[in-house]
Amino acid sequence: MAGIIDTIKLAGTLVFAIPAGLAGLQLLVAGQTTFGATLVALAIGLVAVQHWLTLPTDVPEHLAKQVVGTVAKEPEPDSDDDR
C-alpha cells in the first residue's frame, strides 16, 4: 500500500512524464518516429526510475518501515484445538 508521500512523488513525476508522452505520441502520429519514440520512452523511463530508484533521502523511510515491520508483527494464531 502506497503512502501519501509516495503518491505525491508519483504525481510530481507524472507532471513531467505525461506531457512528454503525449508529445511523443503526437510526433509518432505525425510520422516523426525517432523523436516520438524517444519521448515516449523518456516518459516511461521517468515513471519507472521514480518507482524503482532509491535515493539517499528515501533510506530513512525504508529503514523505518523495516523496523516497524520487525517490531510490530502480527500475532500468530494459536494452533491449539482444545475446543
C-alpha atoms as a PDB file:
ATOM      1  CA  MET A   1       0.000   0.000   0.000  1.00  0.00           C
ATOM      2  CA  ALA A   2       1.453   3.329  -1.053  1.00  0.00           C
ATOM      3  CA  GLY A   3       1.576   6.158   1.425  1.00  0.00           C
ATOM      4  CA  ILE A   4       0.736   9.796   0.841  1.00  0.00           C
ATOM      5  CA  ILE A   5       4.407  10.650   0.250  1.00  0.00           C
ATOM      6  CA  ASP A   6       4.684   8.004  -2.480  1.00  0.00           C
ATOM      7  CA  THR A   7       1.539   9.361  -4.110  1.00  0.00           C
ATOM      8  CA  ILE A   8       2.887  12.914  -4.095  1.00  0.00           C
ATOM      9  CA  LYS A   9       6.203  11.725  -5.582  1.00  0.00           C
ATOM     10  CA  LEU A  10       4.344   9.891  -8.343  1.00  0.00           C
ATOM     11  CA  ALA A  11       2.206  12.961  -9.088  1.00  0.00           C
ATOM     12  CA  GLY A  12       5.344  15.101  -9.348  1.00  0.00           C
ATOM     13  CA  THR A  13       6.870  12.652 -11.798  1.00  0.00           C
ATOM     14  CA  LEU A  14       3.695  12.475 -13.856  1.00  0.00           C
ATOM     15  CA  VAL A  15       3.747  16.279 -14.221  1.00  0.00           C
ATOM     16  CA  PHE A  16       6.779  15.798 -16.460  1.00  0.00           C
ATOM     17  CA  ALA A  17       6.047  12.348 -17.904  1.00  0.00           C
ATOM     18  CA  ILE A  18       2.511  12.957 -19.232  1.00  0.00           C
ATOM     19  CA  PRO A  19       3.360  15.969 -21.443  1.00  0.00           C
ATOM     20  CA  ALA A  20       6.454  14.201 -22.787  1.00  0.00           C
ATOM     21  CA  GLY A  21       4.437  11.072 -23.540  1.00  0.00           C
ATOM     22  CA  LEU A  22       1.637  12.995 -25.243  1.00  0.00           C
ATOM     23  CA  ALA A  23       4.111  14.980 -27.341  1.00  0.00           C
ATOM     24  CA  GLY A  24       5.805  11.719 -28.293  1.00  0.00           C
ATOM     25  CA  LEU A  25       2.505  10.170 -29.348  1.00  0.00           C
ATOM     26  CA  GLN A  26       1.668  13.240 -31.402  1.00  0.00           C
ATOM     27  CA  LEU A  27       5.049  13.021 -33.153  1.00  0.00           C
ATOM     28  CA  LEU A  28       4.542   9.299 -33.793  1.00  0.00           C
ATOM     29  CA  VAL A  29       1.200  10.018 -35.458  1.00  0.00           C
ATOM     30  CA  ALA A  30       2.777  12.828 -37.485  1.00  0.00           C
ATOM     31  CA  GLY A  31       5.391  10.419 -38.846  1.00  0.00           C
ATOM     32  CA  GLN A  32       8.441  11.501 -36.875  1.00  0.00           C
ATOM     33  CA  THR A  33       9.037   8.117 -35.337  1.00  0.00           C
ATOM     34  CA  THR A  34      12.524   8.707 -33.940  1.00  0.00           C
ATOM     35  CA  PHE A  35      11.651  11.745 -31.840  1.00  0.00           C
ATOM     36  CA  GLY A  36       8.233  10.367 -30.952  1.00  0.00           C
ATOM     37  CA  ALA A  37       9.566   7.033 -29.744  1.00  0.00           C
ATOM     38  CA  THR A  38      12.314   8.805 -27.803  1.00  0.00           C
ATOM     39  CA  LEU A  39       9.821  10.990 -25.955  1.00  0.00           C
ATOM     40  CA  VAL A  40       7.517   8.064 -25.178  1.00  0.00           C
ATOM     41  CA  ALA A  41      10.485   6.043 -23.892  1.00  0.00           C
ATOM     42  CA  LEU A  42      11.570   9.033 -21.808  1.00  0.00           C
ATOM     43  CA  ALA A  43       8.115   9.309 -20.244  1.00  0.00           C
ATOM     44  CA  ILE A  44       8.031   5.602 -19.410  1.00  0.00           C
ATOM     45  CA  GLY A  45      11.589   5.786 -18.094  1.00  0.00           C
ATOM     46  CA  LEU A  46      10.774   8.697 -15.793  1.00  0.00           C
ATOM     47  CA  VAL A  47       7.972   6.775 -14.107  1.00  0.00           C
ATOM     48  CA  ALA A  48       9.983   3.543 -13.922  1.00  0.00           C
ATOM     49  CA  VAL A  49      13.035   5.218 -12.423  1.00  0.00           C
ATOM     50  CA  GLN A  50      10.920   7.079  -9.873  1.00  0.00           C
ATOM     51  CA  HIS A  51       9.275   3.801  -8.864  1.00  0.00           C
ATOM     52  CA  TRP A  52      12.399   1.642  -8.532  1.00  0.00           C
ATOM     53  CA  LEU A  53      15.212   4.093  -7.740  1.00  0.00           C
ATOM     54  CA  THR A  54      16.117   4.561  -4.090  1.00  0.00           C
ATOM     55  CA  LEU A  55      17.509   7.987  -3.337  1.00  0.00           C
ATOM     56  CA  PRO A  56      19.594   8.799  -0.252  1.00  0.00           C
ATOM     57  CA  THR A  57      16.634  10.729   1.129  1.00  0.00           C
ATOM     58  CA  ASP A  58      14.497   7.567   0.923  1.00  0.00           C
ATOM     59  CA  VAL A  59      16.822   5.435   3.073  1.00  0.00           C
ATOM     60  CA  PRO A  60      15.436   6.576   6.483  1.00  0.00           C
ATOM     61  CA  GLU A  61      11.899   5.855   5.279  1.00  0.00           C
ATOM     62  CA  HIS A  62      12.843   2.318   4.171  1.00  0.00           C
ATOM     63  CA  LEU A  63      14.656   1.664   7.453  1.00  0.00           C
ATOM     64  CA  ALA A  64      11.667   2.880   9.458  1.00  0.00           C
ATOM     65  CA  LYS A  65       9.335   0.573   7.522  1.00  0.00           C
ATOM     66  CA  GLN A  66      11.627  -2.397   8.214  1.00  0.00           C
ATOM     67  CA  VAL A  67      11.864  -1.579  11.923  1.00  0.00           C
ATOM     68  CA  VAL A  68       8.114  -1.200  12.255  1.00  0.00           C
ATOM     69  CA  GLY A  69       7.591  -4.486  10.409  1.00  0.00           C
ATOM     70  CA  THR A  70      10.045  -6.237  12.728  1.00  0.00           C
ATOM     71  CA  VAL A  71       8.773  -4.795  15.978  1.00  0.00           C
ATOM     72  CA  ALA A  72       5.027  -4.904  15.301  1.00  0.00           C
ATOM     73  CA  LYS A  73       4.485  -8.334  13.811  1.00  0.00           C
ATOM     74  CA  GLU A  74       1.036  -9.825  13.542  1.00  0.00           C
ATOM     75  CA  PRO A  75       0.352 -12.291  16.341  1.00  0.00           C
ATOM     76  CA  GLU A  76       0.330 -15.872  15.149  1.00  0.00           C
ATOM     77  CA  PRO A  77      -2.898 -17.749  15.712  1.00  0.00           C
ATOM     78  CA  ASP A  78      -2.768 -20.475  18.331  1.00  0.00           C
ATOM     79  CA  SER A  79      -2.578 -23.929  16.911  1.00  0.00           C
ATOM     80  CA  ASP A  80      -4.298 -25.468  19.961  1.00  0.00           C
ATOM     81  CA  ASP A  81      -7.593 -27.070  19.092  1.00  0.00           C
ATOM     82  CA  ASP A  82      -8.797 -27.623  22.673  1.00  0.00           C
ATOM     83  CA  ARG A  83     -12.400 -26.765  21.975  1.00  0.00           C
END
